[in-house]
Amino acid sequence: MIGQNAKDTRNERLIAAGLLLLGFLLAFPAVVIGAPNLGENSTLGRALPFLFDSVWEKYWYGAFLVATLYGLVILEGILRRAGDHIFARLGLVTFTLATVMFLLMIVLEKNYLPSGARDVEAYFIALAFPAVIAYGLAILRTGILARWIGVAVVLWTVVMLIRVVPLNGGPLFYEPALILIAIALVAQRSRDPSSPSEQNVQE
């Protein structure tokens, strides 16, 4: 039974990491579309206007956030079984609200309400960054990953939050912290933090 639990935990870690990395990859097309030299006004953008329409930029960002949210849902389950019943849950709820806000922004911009969309982006920043900080605290509390990873996630996200709030821009600057978590999940040696017997042996 313990072996099966450990196998399930390893699989969940890989799935969570895969979804977080998939989300990161899904953000690339949006970045390309929104780049000054690669957007709809570029030579390629004029040749393929359908692919470089600004609406698609928001759709790619939406897909990125949904994939990231799925990864955080699985990660929350791992952290909960490892002993955290506060931070990861708060992080998941907060990031879910942030994702809803971003999808609302897409709807507002599609209906030609850019001012309202800008306000929603500010709310997204106010929710997404604290959510990632909460996951970093959950990692520190449970020890499912190396302690320095939790510290790096918290410090990076706090510094980026302080930087982006006055500018009301850079809503995805928390992403390197999630990429670090994803890589660590893949690289982590196989063990089941939810198994008390294994924890006792390791201690």
N, C-alpha and C. Protein backbone atom coordinates (compact mmCIF):
# COMPACT_ATOMS: atom_id res chain seq x y z
N MET A 1 0.83 -1.21 0.00
CA MET A 1 0.00 0.00 0.00
C MET A 1 0.86 1.26 0.00
N ILE A 2 1.95 1.23 0.85
CA ILE A 2 2.84 2.37 0.90
C ILE A 2 3.50 2.60 -0.45
N GLY A 3 3.91 1.49 -1.10
CA GLY A 3 4.52 1.62 -2.42
C GLY A 3 3.57 2.21 -3.44
N GLN A 4 2.30 1.81 -3.37
CA GLN A 4 1.31 2.35 -4.29
C GLN A 4 1.09 3.83 -4.04
N ASN A 5 1.04 4.21 -2.76
CA ASN A 5 0.88 5.63 -2.43
C ASN A 5 2.05 6.46 -2.94
N ALA A 6 3.26 5.91 -2.78
CA ALA A 6 4.44 6.62 -3.27
C ALA A 6 4.40 6.77 -4.78
N LYS A 7 3.94 5.72 -5.48
CA LYS A 7 3.85 5.78 -6.93
C LYS A 7 2.81 6.82 -7.36
N ASP A 8 1.68 6.85 -6.65
CA ASP A 8 0.65 7.83 -6.98
C ASP A 8 1.16 9.25 -6.77
N THR A 9 1.91 9.44 -5.69
CA THR A 9 2.46 10.77 -5.41
C THR A 9 3.45 11.19 -6.48
N ARG A 10 4.29 10.25 -6.92
CA ARG A 10 5.25 10.56 -7.99
C ARG A 10 4.51 10.95 -9.26
N ASN A 11 3.46 10.21 -9.59
CA ASN A 11 2.68 10.52 -10.79
C ASN A 11 2.03 11.89 -10.68
N GLU A 12 1.48 12.19 -9.50
CA GLU A 12 0.84 13.49 -9.32
C GLU A 12 1.85 14.62 -9.45
N ARG A 13 3.04 14.39 -8.92
CA ARG A 13 4.08 15.42 -9.05
C ARG A 13 4.44 15.66 -10.51
N LEU A 14 4.55 14.59 -11.27
CA LEU A 14 4.88 14.75 -12.69
C LEU A 14 3.76 15.44 -13.45
N ILE A 15 2.51 15.10 -13.13
CA ILE A 15 1.38 15.74 -13.80
C ILE A 15 1.32 17.22 -13.44
N ALA A 16 1.49 17.53 -12.15
CA ALA A 16 1.47 18.93 -11.73
C ALA A 16 2.58 19.72 -12.41
N ALA A 17 3.78 19.14 -12.44
CA ALA A 17 4.91 19.82 -13.10
C ALA A 17 4.64 19.98 -14.59
N GLY A 18 4.10 18.93 -15.22
CA GLY A 18 3.81 19.01 -16.65
C GLY A 18 2.81 20.10 -16.98
N LEU A 19 1.78 20.24 -16.16
CA LEU A 19 0.78 21.28 -16.41
C LEU A 19 1.35 22.68 -16.18
N LEU A 20 2.17 22.83 -15.17
CA LEU A 20 2.80 24.14 -14.94
C LEU A 20 3.73 24.51 -16.10
N LEU A 21 4.48 23.53 -16.60
CA LEU A 21 5.36 23.79 -17.74
C LEU A 21 4.56 24.02 -19.01
N LEU A 22 3.47 23.28 -19.19
CA LEU A 22 2.60 23.49 -20.35
C LEU A 22 2.03 24.89 -20.34
N GLY A 23 1.60 25.34 -19.16
CA GLY A 23 1.11 26.70 -19.07
C GLY A 23 2.15 27.72 -19.51
N PHE A 24 3.39 27.51 -19.07
CA PHE A 24 4.47 28.41 -19.47
C PHE A 24 4.64 28.44 -20.98
N LEU A 25 4.58 27.25 -21.61
CA LEU A 25 4.74 27.18 -23.07
C LEU A 25 3.57 27.85 -23.78
N LEU A 26 2.37 27.74 -23.23
CA LEU A 26 1.20 28.36 -23.85
C LEU A 26 1.26 29.88 -23.81
N ALA A 27 2.07 30.42 -22.92
CA ALA A 27 2.19 31.88 -22.84
C ALA A 27 3.07 32.44 -23.96
N PHE A 28 3.92 31.60 -24.55
CA PHE A 28 4.85 32.08 -25.58
C PHE A 28 4.14 32.69 -26.80
N PRO A 29 3.12 32.03 -27.37
CA PRO A 29 2.45 32.66 -28.52
C PRO A 29 1.87 34.03 -28.18
N ALA A 30 1.35 34.18 -26.96
CA ALA A 30 0.80 35.48 -26.56
C ALA A 30 1.91 36.53 -26.49
N VAL A 31 3.08 36.13 -25.98
CA VAL A 31 4.21 37.06 -25.89
C VAL A 31 4.66 37.47 -27.29
N VAL A 32 4.69 36.51 -28.22
CA VAL A 32 5.09 36.81 -29.60
C VAL A 32 4.10 37.76 -30.24
N ILE A 33 2.82 37.50 -30.06
CA ILE A 33 1.80 38.37 -30.67
C ILE A 33 1.88 39.79 -30.11
N GLY A 34 2.14 39.89 -28.81
CA GLY A 34 2.18 41.21 -28.19
C GLY A 34 3.50 41.94 -28.31
N ALA A 35 4.54 41.27 -28.81
CA ALA A 35 5.85 41.91 -28.95
C ALA A 35 5.81 43.01 -30.01
N PRO A 36 6.47 44.16 -29.78
CA PRO A 36 6.42 45.27 -30.73
C PRO A 36 6.88 44.91 -32.14
N ASN A 37 7.94 44.10 -32.25
CA ASN A 37 8.50 43.77 -33.55
C ASN A 37 7.93 42.48 -34.14
N LEU A 38 7.07 41.80 -33.40
CA LEU A 38 6.55 40.52 -33.87
C LEU A 38 5.03 40.47 -33.85
N GLY A 39 4.37 41.56 -33.56
CA GLY A 39 2.93 41.58 -33.43
C GLY A 39 2.21 41.73 -34.75
N GLU A 40 0.97 42.21 -34.66
CA GLU A 40 0.13 42.30 -35.86
C GLU A 40 0.63 43.33 -36.86
N ASN A 41 1.49 44.27 -36.44
CA ASN A 41 2.02 45.28 -37.36
C ASN A 41 3.33 44.86 -38.01
N SER A 42 3.83 43.70 -37.66
CA SER A 42 5.06 43.22 -38.28
C SER A 42 4.77 42.64 -39.65
N THR A 43 5.84 42.31 -40.38
CA THR A 43 5.66 41.73 -41.72
C THR A 43 4.91 40.42 -41.65
N LEU A 44 5.29 39.59 -40.70
CA LEU A 44 4.61 38.31 -40.54
C LEU A 44 3.18 38.51 -40.07
N GLY A 45 2.97 39.49 -39.21
CA GLY A 45 1.63 39.78 -38.73
C GLY A 45 0.70 40.25 -39.83
N ARG A 46 1.23 41.04 -40.73
CA ARG A 46 0.41 41.50 -41.87
C ARG A 46 0.15 40.38 -42.86
N ALA A 47 1.09 39.44 -42.95
CA ALA A 47 0.90 38.32 -43.87
C ALA A 47 -0.10 37.31 -43.31
N LEU A 48 -0.11 37.16 -41.98
CA LEU A 48 -1.03 36.22 -41.32
C LEU A 48 -1.84 36.97 -40.26
N PRO A 49 -2.71 37.87 -40.69
CA PRO A 49 -3.43 38.70 -39.72
C PRO A 49 -4.31 37.91 -38.76
N PHE A 50 -4.83 36.76 -39.22
CA PHE A 50 -5.71 35.98 -38.36
C PHE A 50 -4.96 35.44 -37.15
N LEU A 51 -3.74 34.94 -37.38
CA LEU A 51 -2.96 34.36 -36.30
C LEU A 51 -2.41 35.42 -35.35
N PHE A 52 -2.22 36.64 -35.85
CA PHE A 52 -1.61 37.68 -35.03
C PHE A 52 -2.62 38.72 -34.57
N ASP A 53 -3.88 38.39 -34.64
CA ASP A 53 -4.90 39.29 -34.11
C ASP A 53 -4.71 39.41 -32.60
N SER A 54 -4.90 40.64 -32.08
CA SER A 54 -4.68 40.87 -30.66
C SER A 54 -5.61 40.05 -29.78
N VAL A 55 -6.76 39.65 -30.33
CA VAL A 55 -7.68 38.82 -29.55
C VAL A 55 -7.04 37.49 -29.22
N TRP A 56 -6.25 36.95 -30.17
CA TRP A 56 -5.61 35.66 -29.93
C TRP A 56 -4.59 35.75 -28.80
N GLU A 57 -4.00 36.92 -28.62
CA GLU A 57 -3.06 37.10 -27.51
C GLU A 57 -3.75 36.80 -26.19
N LYS A 58 -4.96 37.31 -26.02
CA LYS A 58 -5.70 37.07 -24.78
C LYS A 58 -6.14 35.62 -24.67
N TYR A 59 -6.50 35.01 -25.80
CA TYR A 59 -6.90 33.60 -25.77
C TYR A 59 -5.74 32.70 -25.32
N TRP A 60 -4.54 32.99 -25.82
CA TRP A 60 -3.37 32.20 -25.42
C TRP A 60 -3.09 32.40 -23.94
N TYR A 61 -3.20 33.64 -23.48
CA TYR A 61 -3.00 33.90 -22.05
C TYR A 61 -4.05 33.16 -21.22
N GLY A 62 -5.29 33.13 -21.71
CA GLY A 62 -6.34 32.41 -21.01
C GLY A 62 -6.03 30.93 -20.90
N ALA A 63 -5.56 30.33 -22.01
CA ALA A 63 -5.18 28.91 -22.00
C ALA A 63 -4.02 28.67 -21.04
N PHE A 64 -3.06 29.59 -21.04
CA PHE A 64 -1.92 29.50 -20.13
C PHE A 64 -2.38 29.47 -18.68
N LEU A 65 -3.32 30.35 -18.33
CA LEU A 65 -3.77 30.42 -16.94
C LEU A 65 -4.58 29.19 -16.53
N VAL A 66 -5.39 28.69 -17.45
CA VAL A 66 -6.19 27.50 -17.13
C VAL A 66 -5.28 26.29 -16.90
N ALA A 67 -4.29 26.11 -17.76
CA ALA A 67 -3.34 25.00 -17.57
C ALA A 67 -2.58 25.15 -16.26
N THR A 68 -2.17 26.38 -15.96
CA THR A 68 -1.46 26.63 -14.70
C THR A 68 -2.36 26.34 -13.51
N LEU A 69 -3.62 26.74 -13.60
CA LEU A 69 -4.56 26.48 -12.51
C LEU A 69 -4.74 24.99 -12.27
N TYR A 70 -4.85 24.21 -13.34
CA TYR A 70 -4.97 22.76 -13.18
C TYR A 70 -3.74 22.19 -12.46
N GLY A 71 -2.55 22.68 -12.83
CA GLY A 71 -1.34 22.22 -12.16
C GLY A 71 -1.34 22.58 -10.68
N LEU A 72 -1.83 23.77 -10.35
CA LEU A 72 -1.88 24.19 -8.95
C LEU A 72 -2.91 23.41 -8.16
N VAL A 73 -3.98 22.98 -8.81
CA VAL A 73 -4.98 22.14 -8.14
C VAL A 73 -4.33 20.83 -7.68
N ILE A 74 -3.58 20.20 -8.58
CA ILE A 74 -2.93 18.94 -8.22
C ILE A 74 -1.86 19.17 -7.15
N LEU A 75 -1.11 20.27 -7.29
CA LEU A 75 -0.08 20.58 -6.30
C LEU A 75 -0.70 20.83 -4.93
N GLU A 76 -1.86 21.44 -4.89
CA GLU A 76 -2.53 21.68 -3.61
C GLU A 76 -2.86 20.36 -2.92
N GLY A 77 -3.31 19.37 -3.71
CA GLY A 77 -3.59 18.06 -3.14
C GLY A 77 -2.35 17.41 -2.54
N ILE A 78 -1.23 17.54 -3.25
CA ILE A 78 0.04 16.98 -2.75
C ILE A 78 0.44 17.65 -1.44
N LEU A 79 0.35 18.98 -1.41
CA LEU A 79 0.73 19.72 -0.21
C LEU A 79 -0.22 19.45 0.96
N ARG A 80 -1.49 19.26 0.65
CA ARG A 80 -2.46 18.99 1.72
C ARG A 80 -2.16 17.66 2.38
N ARG A 81 -1.87 16.63 1.57
CA ARG A 81 -1.55 15.32 2.14
C ARG A 81 -0.22 15.34 2.87
N ALA A 82 0.65 16.30 2.50
CA ALA A 82 1.94 16.40 3.18
C ALA A 82 1.84 17.17 4.50
N GLY A 83 0.65 17.67 4.81
CA GLY A 83 0.47 18.29 6.12
C GLY A 83 0.04 19.74 6.12
N ASP A 84 -0.01 20.40 4.94
CA ASP A 84 -0.43 21.80 4.90
C ASP A 84 -1.92 21.88 4.59
N HIS A 85 -2.65 22.50 5.47
CA HIS A 85 -4.10 22.64 5.28
C HIS A 85 -4.53 24.10 5.22
N ILE A 86 -3.57 25.00 5.09
CA ILE A 86 -3.90 26.42 5.10
C ILE A 86 -3.38 27.13 3.85
N PHE A 87 -2.05 27.19 3.71
CA PHE A 87 -1.46 28.06 2.69
C PHE A 87 -1.80 27.63 1.27
N ALA A 88 -1.64 26.32 0.97
CA ALA A 88 -1.91 25.87 -0.40
C ALA A 88 -3.37 26.07 -0.76
N ARG A 89 -4.26 25.83 0.20
CA ARG A 89 -5.68 26.01 -0.07
C ARG A 89 -6.00 27.48 -0.33
N LEU A 90 -5.41 28.37 0.48
CA LEU A 90 -5.60 29.80 0.25
C LEU A 90 -5.03 30.20 -1.11
N GLY A 91 -3.86 29.65 -1.45
CA GLY A 91 -3.26 29.95 -2.73
C GLY A 91 -4.11 29.50 -3.89
N LEU A 92 -4.70 28.31 -3.76
CA LEU A 92 -5.54 27.79 -4.84
C LEU A 92 -6.78 28.64 -5.03
N VAL A 93 -7.45 28.99 -3.94
CA VAL A 93 -8.65 29.81 -4.05
C VAL A 93 -8.32 31.18 -4.65
N THR A 94 -7.21 31.75 -4.20
CA THR A 94 -6.82 33.07 -4.68
C THR A 94 -6.45 33.05 -6.15
N PHE A 95 -5.70 32.02 -6.58
CA PHE A 95 -5.33 31.94 -7.99
C PHE A 95 -6.54 31.64 -8.87
N THR A 96 -7.49 30.89 -8.34
CA THR A 96 -8.72 30.65 -9.08
C THR A 96 -9.46 31.96 -9.32
N LEU A 97 -9.55 32.79 -8.29
CA LEU A 97 -10.19 34.10 -8.45
C LEU A 97 -9.41 34.96 -9.46
N ALA A 98 -8.09 34.89 -9.42
CA ALA A 98 -7.27 35.65 -10.37
C ALA A 98 -7.53 35.19 -11.80
N THR A 99 -7.65 33.88 -11.99
CA THR A 99 -7.93 33.35 -13.33
C THR A 99 -9.29 33.81 -13.82
N VAL A 100 -10.27 33.78 -12.94
CA VAL A 100 -11.61 34.27 -13.31
C VAL A 100 -11.54 35.74 -13.70
N MET A 101 -10.76 36.52 -12.95
CA MET A 101 -10.58 37.94 -13.27
C MET A 101 -9.98 38.12 -14.65
N PHE A 102 -8.96 37.31 -14.97
CA PHE A 102 -8.31 37.45 -16.27
C PHE A 102 -9.27 37.07 -17.40
N LEU A 103 -10.03 36.01 -17.21
CA LEU A 103 -11.00 35.63 -18.23
C LEU A 103 -12.06 36.71 -18.38
N LEU A 104 -12.42 37.37 -17.28
CA LEU A 104 -13.35 38.49 -17.36
C LEU A 104 -12.75 39.63 -18.16
N MET A 105 -11.44 39.85 -17.98
CA MET A 105 -10.76 40.89 -18.75
C MET A 105 -10.83 40.61 -20.24
N ILE A 106 -10.69 39.34 -20.62
CA ILE A 106 -10.79 38.97 -22.04
C ILE A 106 -12.18 39.32 -22.57
N VAL A 107 -13.21 39.02 -21.79
CA VAL A 107 -14.58 39.32 -22.21
C VAL A 107 -14.77 40.83 -22.36
N LEU A 108 -14.25 41.60 -21.41
CA LEU A 108 -14.40 43.06 -21.47
C LEU A 108 -13.70 43.64 -22.68
N GLU A 109 -12.48 43.17 -22.96
CA GLU A 109 -11.75 43.69 -24.12
C GLU A 109 -12.41 43.28 -25.43
N LYS A 110 -12.96 42.08 -25.45
CA LYS A 110 -13.64 41.63 -26.66
C LYS A 110 -14.89 42.46 -26.93
N ASN A 111 -15.47 43.00 -25.88
CA ASN A 111 -16.66 43.84 -26.02
C ASN A 111 -16.32 45.32 -25.96
N TYR A 112 -15.05 45.63 -26.25
CA TYR A 112 -14.59 47.00 -26.43
C TYR A 112 -14.76 47.84 -25.17
N LEU A 113 -14.31 47.28 -24.05
CA LEU A 113 -14.32 48.02 -22.78
C LEU A 113 -12.91 47.98 -22.18
N PRO A 114 -11.94 48.58 -22.89
CA PRO A 114 -10.54 48.47 -22.46
C PRO A 114 -10.27 49.06 -21.09
N SER A 115 -10.99 50.13 -20.71
CA SER A 115 -10.75 50.73 -19.40
C SER A 115 -11.14 49.77 -18.28
N GLY A 116 -12.25 49.09 -18.47
CA GLY A 116 -12.65 48.10 -17.48
C GLY A 116 -11.68 46.95 -17.43
N ALA A 117 -11.14 46.54 -18.58
CA ALA A 117 -10.17 45.45 -18.63
C ALA A 117 -8.90 45.83 -17.87
N ARG A 118 -8.50 47.10 -17.97
CA ARG A 118 -7.29 47.54 -17.27
C ARG A 118 -7.48 47.45 -15.76
N ASP A 119 -8.65 47.81 -15.30
CA ASP A 119 -8.94 47.69 -13.86
C ASP A 119 -8.87 46.24 -13.41
N VAL A 120 -9.39 45.34 -14.24
CA VAL A 120 -9.38 43.92 -13.89
C VAL A 120 -7.95 43.40 -13.82
N GLU A 121 -7.06 43.90 -14.68
CA GLU A 121 -5.66 43.47 -14.64
C GLU A 121 -5.02 43.81 -13.29
N ALA A 122 -5.39 44.95 -12.74
CA ALA A 122 -4.87 45.33 -11.42
C ALA A 122 -5.34 44.33 -10.35
N TYR A 123 -6.59 43.91 -10.45
CA TYR A 123 -7.10 42.92 -9.51
C TYR A 123 -6.40 41.58 -9.69
N PHE A 124 -6.11 41.23 -10.95
CA PHE A 124 -5.39 39.99 -11.21
C PHE A 124 -4.03 39.98 -10.53
N ILE A 125 -3.31 41.09 -10.65
CA ILE A 125 -1.99 41.20 -10.01
C ILE A 125 -2.13 41.07 -8.49
N ALA A 126 -3.16 41.71 -7.94
CA ALA A 126 -3.36 41.69 -6.50
C ALA A 126 -3.71 40.30 -5.98
N LEU A 127 -4.19 39.42 -6.85
CA LEU A 127 -4.57 38.08 -6.43
C LEU A 127 -3.53 37.02 -6.78
N ALA A 128 -2.98 37.07 -8.00
CA ALA A 128 -2.09 36.00 -8.47
C ALA A 128 -0.79 35.94 -7.69
N PHE A 129 -0.19 37.09 -7.42
CA PHE A 129 1.09 37.10 -6.72
C PHE A 129 0.98 36.56 -5.30
N PRO A 130 0.00 37.01 -4.50
CA PRO A 130 -0.14 36.40 -3.16
C PRO A 130 -0.44 34.90 -3.22
N ALA A 131 -1.12 34.45 -4.27
CA ALA A 131 -1.39 33.02 -4.40
C ALA A 131 -0.10 32.23 -4.53
N VAL A 132 0.82 32.72 -5.35
CA VAL A 132 2.10 32.03 -5.53
C VAL A 132 2.92 32.09 -4.23
N ILE A 133 2.86 33.22 -3.54
CA ILE A 133 3.54 33.33 -2.25
C ILE A 133 3.00 32.27 -1.27
N ALA A 134 1.69 32.08 -1.28
CA ALA A 134 1.08 31.08 -0.39
C ALA A 134 1.59 29.68 -0.71
N TYR A 135 1.75 29.37 -1.98
CA TYR A 135 2.30 28.06 -2.35
C TYR A 135 3.75 27.92 -1.87
N GLY A 136 4.51 29.00 -1.97
CA GLY A 136 5.88 28.95 -1.46
C GLY A 136 5.92 28.69 0.03
N LEU A 137 5.00 29.33 0.78
CA LEU A 137 4.93 29.09 2.23
C LEU A 137 4.51 27.66 2.53
N ALA A 138 3.61 27.10 1.70
CA ALA A 138 3.19 25.71 1.89
C ALA A 138 4.35 24.75 1.65
N ILE A 139 5.18 25.06 0.67
CA ILE A 139 6.36 24.22 0.41
C ILE A 139 7.32 24.29 1.59
N LEU A 140 7.50 25.48 2.15
CA LEU A 140 8.36 25.62 3.32
C LEU A 140 7.79 24.84 4.51
N ARG A 141 6.49 24.85 4.65
CA ARG A 141 5.87 24.20 5.79
C ARG A 141 5.94 22.68 5.70
N THR A 142 5.78 22.15 4.51
CA THR A 142 5.71 20.70 4.35
C THR A 142 7.06 20.06 4.07
N GLY A 143 7.96 20.80 3.43
CA GLY A 143 9.26 20.24 3.09
C GLY A 143 9.21 19.23 1.96
N ILE A 144 8.20 19.28 1.09
CA ILE A 144 8.16 18.33 -0.02
C ILE A 144 9.24 18.61 -1.05
N LEU A 145 9.76 19.85 -1.03
CA LEU A 145 10.88 20.23 -1.88
C LEU A 145 11.95 20.86 -0.99
N ALA A 146 13.11 21.07 -1.56
CA ALA A 146 14.20 21.68 -0.79
C ALA A 146 13.77 23.03 -0.23
N ARG A 147 14.24 23.32 0.97
CA ARG A 147 13.81 24.54 1.64
C ARG A 147 14.14 25.79 0.84
N TRP A 148 15.28 25.79 0.16
CA TRP A 148 15.67 26.98 -0.59
C TRP A 148 14.70 27.29 -1.72
N ILE A 149 14.03 26.26 -2.22
CA ILE A 149 13.05 26.49 -3.29
C ILE A 149 11.87 27.29 -2.76
N GLY A 150 11.37 26.90 -1.58
CA GLY A 150 10.29 27.67 -0.98
C GLY A 150 10.70 29.10 -0.70
N VAL A 151 11.93 29.27 -0.17
CA VAL A 151 12.43 30.62 0.11
C VAL A 151 12.54 31.43 -1.18
N ALA A 152 13.08 30.82 -2.24
CA ALA A 152 13.24 31.53 -3.51
C ALA A 152 11.89 31.92 -4.09
N VAL A 153 10.90 31.02 -4.02
CA VAL A 153 9.57 31.32 -4.53
C VAL A 153 8.96 32.51 -3.81
N VAL A 154 9.07 32.51 -2.48
CA VAL A 154 8.47 33.60 -1.70
C VAL A 154 9.19 34.91 -1.97
N LEU A 155 10.52 34.91 -1.91
CA LEU A 155 11.28 36.15 -2.09
C LEU A 155 11.09 36.73 -3.49
N TRP A 156 11.20 35.88 -4.51
CA TRP A 156 11.04 36.37 -5.89
C TRP A 156 9.66 37.00 -6.08
N THR A 157 8.64 36.31 -5.63
CA THR A 157 7.28 36.79 -5.87
C THR A 157 6.99 38.07 -5.08
N VAL A 158 7.52 38.16 -3.86
CA VAL A 158 7.33 39.38 -3.07
C VAL A 158 8.01 40.56 -3.76
N VAL A 159 9.25 40.36 -4.21
CA VAL A 159 9.99 41.44 -4.87
C VAL A 159 9.28 41.87 -6.15
N MET A 160 8.82 40.90 -6.95
CA MET A 160 8.12 41.24 -8.18
C MET A 160 6.79 41.94 -7.90
N LEU A 161 6.11 41.52 -6.84
CA LEU A 161 4.84 42.16 -6.48
C LEU A 161 5.07 43.63 -6.12
N ILE A 162 6.12 43.89 -5.34
CA ILE A 162 6.45 45.27 -4.98
C ILE A 162 6.79 46.08 -6.23
N ARG A 163 7.39 45.43 -7.21
CA ARG A 163 7.78 46.14 -8.43
C ARG A 163 6.60 46.44 -9.33
N VAL A 164 5.69 45.48 -9.49
CA VAL A 164 4.64 45.63 -10.50
C VAL A 164 3.42 46.40 -9.99
N VAL A 165 3.18 46.41 -8.68
CA VAL A 165 1.97 47.08 -8.18
C VAL A 165 1.95 48.56 -8.52
N PRO A 166 3.02 49.33 -8.30
CA PRO A 166 2.96 50.76 -8.66
C PRO A 166 2.75 51.00 -10.16
N LEU A 167 3.27 50.10 -10.98
CA LEU A 167 3.17 50.27 -12.43
C LEU A 167 1.90 49.68 -13.00
N ASN A 168 1.24 48.84 -12.20
CA ASN A 168 0.05 48.12 -12.68
C ASN A 168 0.36 47.39 -13.98
N GLY A 169 1.51 46.74 -14.02
CA GLY A 169 1.92 46.03 -15.23
C GLY A 169 2.79 44.84 -14.85
N GLY A 170 3.10 44.00 -15.85
CA GLY A 170 3.90 42.81 -15.60
C GLY A 170 3.18 41.76 -14.82
N PRO A 171 1.95 41.42 -15.24
CA PRO A 171 1.16 40.48 -14.43
C PRO A 171 1.70 39.06 -14.37
N LEU A 172 2.64 38.71 -15.25
CA LEU A 172 3.13 37.33 -15.29
C LEU A 172 4.54 37.20 -14.73
N PHE A 173 5.01 38.20 -14.01
CA PHE A 173 6.37 38.15 -13.48
C PHE A 173 6.52 37.13 -12.36
N TYR A 174 5.42 36.56 -11.88
CA TYR A 174 5.51 35.49 -10.88
C TYR A 174 5.85 34.15 -11.52
N GLU A 175 5.77 34.06 -12.84
CA GLU A 175 5.89 32.78 -13.53
C GLU A 175 7.21 32.06 -13.28
N PRO A 176 8.37 32.75 -13.22
CA PRO A 176 9.61 32.02 -12.92
C PRO A 176 9.54 31.22 -11.63
N ALA A 177 8.79 31.69 -10.63
CA ALA A 177 8.65 30.95 -9.39
C ALA A 177 7.93 29.62 -9.62
N LEU A 178 6.90 29.63 -10.46
CA LEU A 178 6.17 28.39 -10.75
C LEU A 178 7.02 27.44 -11.60
N ILE A 179 7.82 27.99 -12.49
CA ILE A 179 8.72 27.15 -13.28
C ILE A 179 9.74 26.47 -12.38
N LEU A 180 10.24 27.20 -11.39
CA LEU A 180 11.18 26.61 -10.44
C LEU A 180 10.52 25.45 -9.69
N ILE A 181 9.28 25.65 -9.27
CA ILE A 181 8.55 24.58 -8.57
C ILE A 181 8.39 23.37 -9.49
N ALA A 182 8.02 23.61 -10.75
CA ALA A 182 7.80 22.52 -11.69
C ALA A 182 9.08 21.72 -11.91
N ILE A 183 10.19 22.40 -12.11
CA ILE A 183 11.47 21.71 -12.33
C ILE A 183 11.85 20.91 -11.09
N ALA A 184 11.62 21.50 -9.91
CA ALA A 184 11.96 20.80 -8.67
C ALA A 184 11.09 19.57 -8.48
N LEU A 185 9.83 19.64 -8.88
CA LEU A 185 8.95 18.48 -8.77
C LEU A 185 9.44 17.33 -9.64
N VAL A 186 9.94 17.66 -10.82
CA VAL A 186 10.44 16.63 -11.72
C VAL A 186 11.75 16.04 -11.19
N ALA A 187 12.59 16.92 -10.65
CA ALA A 187 13.92 16.47 -10.21
C ALA A 187 13.91 15.81 -8.84
N GLN A 188 12.85 16.05 -8.08
CA GLN A 188 12.82 15.52 -6.72
C GLN A 188 12.91 14.00 -6.71
N ARG A 189 13.68 13.46 -5.81
CA ARG A 189 13.77 12.01 -5.69
C ARG A 189 12.45 11.43 -5.22
N SER A 190 12.20 10.22 -5.62
CA SER A 190 10.93 9.58 -5.29
C SER A 190 10.81 9.35 -3.79
N ARG A 191 9.76 9.95 -3.23
CA ARG A 191 9.42 9.68 -1.83
C ARG A 191 7.99 10.13 -1.60
N ASP A 192 7.36 9.59 -0.62
CA ASP A 192 5.97 9.90 -0.32
C ASP A 192 5.89 10.67 0.99
N PRO A 193 5.74 12.02 0.91
CA PRO A 193 5.71 12.80 2.13
C PRO A 193 4.46 12.58 2.94
N SER A 194 3.44 11.95 2.33
CA SER A 194 2.19 11.74 3.05
C SER A 194 2.20 10.46 3.87
N SER A 195 3.31 9.70 3.76
CA SER A 195 3.40 8.44 4.48
C SER A 195 4.13 8.63 5.79
N PRO A 196 3.46 8.55 6.94
CA PRO A 196 4.12 8.77 8.23
C PRO A 196 5.27 7.81 8.47
N SER A 197 5.13 6.56 8.03
CA SER A 197 6.17 5.57 8.27
C SER A 197 7.45 5.94 7.55
N GLU A 198 7.32 6.42 6.31
CA GLU A 198 8.51 6.80 5.57
C GLU A 198 9.15 8.05 6.15
N GLN A 199 8.28 8.98 6.63
CA GLN A 199 8.84 10.17 7.24
C GLN A 199 9.66 9.80 8.48
N ASN A 200 9.18 8.86 9.28
CA ASN A 200 9.89 8.46 10.48
C ASN A 200 11.24 7.83 10.13
N VAL A 201 11.25 7.01 9.07
CA VAL A 201 12.50 6.36 8.65
C VAL A 201 13.50 7.41 8.24
N GLN A 202 13.01 8.45 7.45
CA GLN A 202 13.93 9.48 6.95
C GLN A 202 14.46 10.32 8.09
N GLU A 203 13.60 10.53 9.13
CA GLU A 203 14.04 11.33 10.25
C GLU A 203 15.04 10.56 11.10
